[in-house]
C-alpha atoms as a PDB file:
ATOM      1  CA  MET A   1     156.117  22.590-274.233  1.00  0.00           C
ATOM      2  CA  THR A   2     152.889  24.487-274.707  1.00  0.00           C
ATOM      3  CA  PHE A   3     152.395  28.174-273.901  1.00  0.00           C
ATOM      4  CA  LEU A   4     150.340  27.398-270.848  1.00  0.00           C
ATOM      5  CA  GLY A   5     152.831  24.805-269.660  1.00  0.00           C
ATOM      6  CA  GLN A   6     155.643  27.344-269.820  1.00  0.00           C
ATOM      7  CA  TRP A   7     153.806  29.517-267.174  1.00  0.00           C
ATOM      8  CA  GLY A   8     152.917  26.554-265.010  1.00  0.00           C
ATOM      9  CA  VAL A   9     149.184  26.585-265.948  1.00  0.00           C
ATOM     10  CA  ARG A  10     147.460  23.236-265.932  1.00  0.00           C
ATOM     11  CA  LYS A  11     144.579  22.693-268.358  1.00  0.00           C
ATOM     12  CA  SER A  12     141.394  20.786-267.576  1.00  0.00           C
ATOM     13  CA  ARG A  13     138.571  19.953-269.888  1.00  0.00           C
ATOM     14  CA  THR A  14     134.961  20.222-268.669  1.00  0.00           C
ATOM     15  CA  SER A  15     131.748  20.052-270.429  1.00  0.00           C
ATOM     16  CA  PRO A  16     130.953  23.197-272.387  1.00  0.00           C
ATOM     17  CA  TYR A  17     127.783  23.998-270.591  1.00  0.00           C
ATOM     18  CA  ASN A  18     126.717  22.866-267.132  1.00  0.00           C
ATOM     19  CA  PRO A  19     123.887  25.095-265.753  1.00  0.00           C
ATOM     20  CA  ARG A  20     124.348  24.112-262.121  1.00  0.00           C
ATOM     21  CA  CYS A  21     128.094  24.914-262.177  1.00  0.00           C
ATOM     22  CA  ASN A  22     127.636  28.079-264.142  1.00  0.00           C
ATOM     23  CA  GLY A  23     125.072  29.204-261.567  1.00  0.00           C
ATOM     24  CA  GLN A  24     127.388  28.563-258.636  1.00  0.00           C
ATOM     25  CA  CYS A  25     130.116  30.516-260.339  1.00  0.00           C
ATOM     26  CA  GLU A  26     127.911  33.453-261.226  1.00  0.00           C
ATOM     27  CA  GLN A  27     126.470  33.535-257.704  1.00  0.00           C
ATOM     28  CA  TYR A  28     130.016  33.775-256.355  1.00  0.00           C
ATOM     29  CA  ASN A  29     130.943  36.433-258.854  1.00  0.00           C
ATOM     30  CA  GLY A  30     127.898  38.458-257.750  1.00  0.00           C
ATOM     31  CA  ILE A  31     128.843  38.165-254.094  1.00  0.00           C
ATOM     32  CA  LEU A  32     132.421  39.206-254.888  1.00  0.00           C
ATOM     33  CA  TRP A  33     131.332  42.117-256.955  1.00  0.00           C
ATOM     34  CA  ARG A  34     128.898  43.424-254.284  1.00  0.00           C
ATOM     35  CA  THR A  35     131.617  43.078-251.675  1.00  0.00           C
ATOM     36  CA  VAL A  36     134.015  45.130-253.907  1.00  0.00           C
ATOM     37  CA  GLU A  37     131.361  47.760-254.428  1.00  0.00           C
ATOM     38  CA  CYS A  38     130.589  48.051-250.727  1.00  0.00           C
ATOM     39  CA  ILE A  39     134.267  48.549-249.822  1.00  0.00           C
ATOM     40  CA  LEU A  40     134.747  51.054-252.657  1.00  0.00           C
ATOM     41  CA  THR A  41     131.637  53.068-251.648  1.00  0.00           C
ATOM     42  CA  ASP A  42     132.582  52.969-247.940  1.00  0.00           C
ATOM     43  CA  ARG A  43     135.986  54.487-248.719  1.00  0.00           C
ATOM     44  CA  ASN A  44     134.862  56.849-251.417  1.00  0.00           C
ATOM     45  CA  LEU A  45     137.015  55.339-254.033  1.00  0.00           C
ATOM     46  CA  PRO A  46     136.364  55.262-257.793  1.00  0.00           C
ATOM     47  CA  MET A  47     135.148  52.023-259.364  1.00  0.00           C
ATOM     48  CA  SER A  48     138.456  51.988-261.286  1.00  0.00           C
ATOM     49  CA  ALA A  49     140.226  51.006-258.007  1.00  0.00           C
ATOM     50  CA  TRP A  50     138.535  47.668-257.852  1.00  0.00           C
ATOM     51  CA  ASN A  51     141.807  45.702-258.478  1.00  0.00           C
ATOM     52  CA  LYS A  52     143.316  47.263-255.391  1.00  0.00           C
ATOM     53  CA  ILE A  53     140.428  46.204-253.167  1.00  0.00           C
ATOM     54  CA  LEU A  54     139.981  42.705-254.694  1.00  0.00           C
ATOM     55  CA  PRO A  55     142.375  40.906-252.264  1.00  0.00           C
ATOM     56  CA  GLU A  56     140.682  42.434-249.303  1.00  0.00           C
ATOM     57  CA  ALA A  57     137.284  41.525-250.638  1.00  0.00           C
ATOM     58  CA  LEU A  58     138.249  37.926-251.193  1.00  0.00           C
ATOM     59  CA  ALA A  59     139.660  37.727-247.676  1.00  0.00           C
ATOM     60  CA  SER A  60     136.437  39.139-246.285  1.00  0.00           C
ATOM     61  CA  ILE A  61     134.298  36.604-248.081  1.00  0.00           C
ATOM     62  CA  ARG A  62     136.453  33.675-246.990  1.00  0.00           C
ATOM     63  CA  THR A  63     136.409  34.861-243.378  1.00  0.00           C
ATOM     64  CA  LEU A  64     132.678  35.147-243.343  1.00  0.00           C
ATOM     65  CA  HIS A  65     132.394  31.667-244.808  1.00  0.00           C
ATOM     66  CA  TRP A  66     134.386  30.126-241.987  1.00  0.00           C
ATOM     67  CA  LEU A  67     132.643  32.140-239.385  1.00  0.00           C
ATOM     68  CA  LYS A  68     129.220  30.783-240.624  1.00  0.00           C
ATOM     69  CA  ILE A  69     130.609  27.209-240.324  1.00  0.00           C
ATOM     70  CA  LEU A  70     131.896  27.951-236.867  1.00  0.00           C
ATOM     71  CA  LEU A  71     128.630  29.427-235.737  1.00  0.00           C
ATOM     72  CA  LEU A  72     126.672  26.416-237.163  1.00  0.00           C
ATOM     73  CA  MET A  73     128.972  24.048-235.259  1.00  0.00           C
ATOM     74  CA  LEU A  74     128.635  26.003-231.980  1.00  0.00           C
ATOM     75  CA  CYS A  75     124.809  26.136-232.360  1.00  0.00           C
ATOM     76  CA  SER A  76     124.577  22.355-233.016  1.00  0.00           C
ATOM     77  CA  PHE A  77     126.841  21.709-230.007  1.00  0.00           C
ATOM     78  CA  SER A  78     124.825  23.944-227.667  1.00  0.00           C
ATOM     79  CA  LEU A  79     121.509  22.321-228.883  1.00  0.00           C
ATOM     80  CA  SER A  80     122.890  18.762-228.358  1.00  0.00           C
ATOM     81  CA  ALA A  81     124.052  19.746-224.867  1.00  0.00           C
ATOM     82  CA  LEU A  82     120.480  20.773-224.028  1.00  0.00           C
ATOM     83  CA  ASN A  83     118.991  17.415-224.863  1.00  0.00           C
END
């Protein structure tokens, strides 16, 4: 058994460079880091406390994502009701 297999990590192989996927990942990383910075600044915490804030930042981003989807669905429903 490999080292990764012992820890339950599955390996996948992808192309070494895919600009579109790399851009999506970097955009998400930027959003995540800006969210962490906002929370740290709001609470007057040092930047070294980012790992304590990370779960809350991820939850905030995920919640906002689903709220956007819900709002889009509600808007499309209300527009179709008007026609």
